[in-house]
């Protein structure tokens, strides 16, 4: 039997994903208690230097580096991905850090227990660039156009729990109902 899992499609630059993190953490606890794993997939909100406007000056956001950092962390140690994503989101949304900078990404990875040199080497690899593009293409091929998106998978079948922010009060009963139906 194929394992059941939650798949969280997000982007570290997405403010709704930042707001969704406490909801995700609670849902992940519920899923883990039922033997499910959590996989975080990088969504690719803005990549290849799409422009966004700041209040005073033009800012270029390229989410490929922080998304590649997520994919790299997932490759090194899946258990560190959620804490790493939290570091990325807090850094960008709460502290105004430029999480597009590779040296900062390495520091944040180290902060969650990933070995800095190993992370940096993997992050710089063509393998991780391609794996990140694979995440982006997987998301596009599913037709996911908004974040956060949360999917549940059982027996190779995906179920959409939410596309867009929803509060815990709406999602917890939905996940519990799905768990009962997909034992």
Protein backbone atom coordinates (compact mmCIF):
# COMPACT_ATOMS: atom_id res chain seq x y z
CA UNK A 1 0.00 0.00 0.00
CA UNK A 2 1.23 3.46 -0.86
CA UNK A 3 1.85 5.73 2.10
CA UNK A 4 -0.55 8.50 2.92
CA UNK A 5 0.90 11.98 3.04
CA UNK A 6 0.09 15.65 3.20
CA UNK A 7 1.57 17.71 0.39
CA UNK A 8 1.95 21.39 1.10
CA UNK A 9 2.51 23.54 -1.98
CA UNK A 10 3.83 26.92 -0.96
CA UNK A 11 6.22 29.70 -1.70
CA UNK A 12 8.45 31.42 0.87
CA UNK A 13 7.62 34.86 -0.59
CA UNK A 14 3.86 34.30 -0.30
CA UNK A 15 2.38 36.27 2.59
CA UNK A 16 -0.69 33.99 2.74
CA UNK A 17 1.66 31.02 3.18
CA UNK A 18 3.31 32.85 6.07
CA UNK A 19 -0.12 33.42 7.66
CA UNK A 20 -1.05 29.77 7.02
CA UNK A 21 1.96 28.32 8.88
CA UNK A 22 0.22 27.88 12.30
CA UNK A 23 -2.67 26.10 10.53
CA UNK A 24 -0.25 23.86 8.64
CA UNK A 25 1.67 23.01 11.80
CA UNK A 26 -1.51 21.85 13.57
CA UNK A 27 -2.71 19.86 10.55
CA UNK A 28 0.74 18.27 10.21
CA UNK A 29 0.55 17.19 13.89
CA UNK A 30 -2.83 15.56 13.28
CA UNK A 31 -1.54 13.84 10.14
CA UNK A 32 1.65 12.66 11.85
CA UNK A 33 -0.38 11.11 14.66
CA UNK A 34 -2.11 9.07 11.92
CA UNK A 35 1.22 7.95 10.43
CA UNK A 36 1.23 10.43 7.55
CA UNK A 37 4.27 12.33 6.38
CA UNK A 38 4.41 15.96 5.25
CA UNK A 39 6.09 16.89 2.00
CA UNK A 40 6.68 20.53 1.17
CA UNK A 41 6.73 21.40 -2.53
CA UNK A 42 8.15 24.69 -3.80
CA UNK A 43 5.48 26.43 -5.83
CA UNK A 44 7.35 29.01 -7.85
CA UNK A 45 5.33 32.16 -7.18
CA UNK A 46 7.85 34.49 -8.86
CA UNK A 47 10.89 33.21 -10.58
CA UNK A 48 13.34 34.39 -13.20
CA UNK A 49 13.36 37.90 -11.79
CA UNK A 50 9.73 38.95 -12.17
CA UNK A 51 9.32 42.50 -10.90
CA UNK A 52 7.28 43.56 -7.93
CA UNK A 53 6.85 47.11 -6.70
CA UNK A 54 7.90 48.25 -3.29
CA UNK A 55 6.51 51.39 -1.69
CA UNK A 56 9.53 53.50 -2.68
CA UNK A 57 11.54 51.65 -5.28
CA UNK A 58 11.33 48.81 -7.74
CA UNK A 59 12.30 45.53 -6.15
CA UNK A 60 13.17 42.38 -8.05
CA UNK A 61 11.93 39.22 -6.40
CA UNK A 62 13.24 35.92 -7.63
CA UNK A 63 11.89 33.09 -5.56
CA UNK A 64 14.02 30.47 -7.30
CA UNK A 65 16.89 30.71 -4.75
CA UNK A 66 14.73 30.26 -1.62
CA UNK A 67 12.67 27.57 -3.37
CA UNK A 68 15.89 25.79 -4.37
CA UNK A 69 16.98 26.07 -0.74
CA UNK A 70 13.77 24.30 0.32
CA UNK A 71 14.34 21.55 -2.25
CA UNK A 72 17.97 21.23 -1.10
CA UNK A 73 16.93 20.96 2.56
CA UNK A 74 14.30 18.36 1.60
CA UNK A 75 16.99 16.37 -0.19
CA UNK A 76 19.38 16.50 2.79
CA UNK A 77 16.94 15.88 5.64
CA UNK A 78 13.15 15.95 5.16
CA UNK A 79 12.66 16.42 8.92
CA UNK A 80 14.40 19.82 8.72
CA UNK A 81 12.29 21.25 5.90
CA UNK A 82 9.39 22.61 7.98
CA UNK A 83 11.68 24.37 10.50
CA UNK A 84 13.71 25.71 7.57
CA UNK A 85 10.61 27.07 5.83
CA UNK A 86 9.62 28.76 9.10
CA UNK A 87 13.08 30.41 9.23
CA UNK A 88 12.72 31.58 5.62
CA UNK A 89 9.24 32.99 6.16
CA UNK A 90 10.08 34.73 9.43
CA UNK A 91 13.24 36.14 7.90
CA UNK A 92 11.47 37.54 4.87
CA UNK A 93 8.07 38.54 6.24
CA UNK A 94 8.93 39.57 9.82
CA UNK A 95 12.56 40.68 9.65
CA UNK A 96 12.84 41.99 6.08
CA UNK A 97 15.76 39.69 5.22
CA UNK A 98 16.74 39.23 1.59
CA UNK A 99 16.21 35.47 1.38
CA UNK A 100 17.21 35.52 -2.28
CA UNK A 101 20.88 35.75 -1.12
CA UNK A 102 22.61 32.34 -1.10
CA UNK A 103 24.90 33.16 1.86
CA UNK A 104 21.87 34.00 4.02
CA UNK A 105 20.12 30.81 2.91
CA UNK A 106 23.15 28.82 4.07
CA UNK A 107 23.05 30.57 7.48
CA UNK A 108 19.35 29.83 7.87
CA UNK A 109 19.90 26.18 6.89
CA UNK A 110 22.65 25.91 9.49
CA UNK A 111 20.31 27.43 12.08
CA UNK A 112 17.95 24.44 11.72
CA UNK A 113 20.75 21.89 11.97
CA UNK A 114 21.80 21.34 8.37
CA UNK A 115 25.56 21.21 7.76
CA UNK A 116 26.49 24.51 6.05
CA UNK A 117 29.13 23.30 3.59
CA UNK A 118 27.05 20.30 2.53
CA UNK A 119 23.96 22.48 2.10
CA UNK A 120 25.89 25.13 0.11
CA UNK A 121 27.39 22.53 -2.22
CA UNK A 122 24.03 20.89 -2.86
CA UNK A 123 22.28 24.27 -3.25
CA UNK A 124 24.80 25.26 -5.97
CA UNK A 125 24.38 22.01 -7.88
CA UNK A 126 22.68 21.58 -11.24
CA UNK A 127 20.82 18.66 -9.68
CA UNK A 128 19.02 21.01 -7.24
CA UNK A 129 18.32 23.59 -9.96
CA UNK A 130 16.63 20.83 -11.96
CA UNK A 131 14.82 19.42 -8.94
CA UNK A 132 13.44 22.90 -8.18
CA UNK A 133 12.20 23.24 -11.75
CA UNK A 134 10.62 19.80 -11.36
CA UNK A 135 8.69 21.12 -8.33
CA UNK A 136 7.56 24.18 -10.33
CA UNK A 137 6.46 22.02 -13.29
CA UNK A 138 4.65 19.52 -11.06
CA UNK A 139 2.68 22.39 -9.51
CA UNK A 140 1.92 23.91 -12.93
CA UNK A 141 0.87 20.53 -14.37
CA UNK A 142 -1.63 20.08 -11.53
CA UNK A 143 -3.07 23.49 -12.39
CA UNK A 144 -2.26 24.95 -8.99
CA UNK A 145 -2.25 28.70 -9.42
CA UNK A 146 -2.59 29.90 -5.84
CA UNK A 147 -0.84 29.40 -2.54
CA UNK A 148 -1.06 27.98 0.02
CA UNK A 149 -2.37 24.69 -1.39
CA UNK A 150 -2.72 21.61 0.74
CA UNK A 151 -3.27 18.17 -0.75
CA UNK A 152 -3.78 14.79 0.86
CA UNK A 153 -2.59 11.69 -0.92
CA UNK A 154 -3.61 8.07 -0.40
CA UNK A 155 -3.21 5.13 -2.78
CA UNK A 156 -1.69 7.47 -5.37
CA UNK A 157 -4.82 9.65 -5.43
CA UNK A 158 -4.67 13.35 -4.56
CA UNK A 159 -7.42 15.18 -2.73
CA UNK A 160 -7.50 18.96 -2.51
CA UNK A 161 -7.93 20.16 1.08
CA UNK A 162 -7.47 23.84 0.26
CA UNK A 163 -6.27 26.16 -2.46
CA UNK A 164 -5.82 29.42 -0.63
CA UNK A 165 -5.82 30.34 3.03
CA UNK A 166 -8.48 28.70 5.18
CA UNK A 167 -8.63 28.79 8.98
CA UNK A 168 -7.96 25.74 11.11
CA UNK A 169 -11.63 25.57 12.12
CA UNK A 170 -12.54 24.76 8.51
CA UNK A 171 -9.61 22.52 7.61
CA UNK A 172 -9.26 20.35 10.71
CA UNK A 173 -12.69 18.65 10.30
CA UNK A 174 -12.01 18.22 6.58
CA UNK A 175 -8.65 16.52 7.22
CA UNK A 176 -10.15 14.30 9.95
CA UNK A 177 -12.99 13.24 7.63
CA UNK A 178 -10.42 12.46 4.88
CA UNK A 179 -8.35 10.41 7.34
CA UNK A 180 -11.37 8.31 8.31
CA UNK A 181 -12.26 7.71 4.65
CA UNK A 182 -8.65 6.83 3.74
CA UNK A 183 -7.51 4.49 6.51
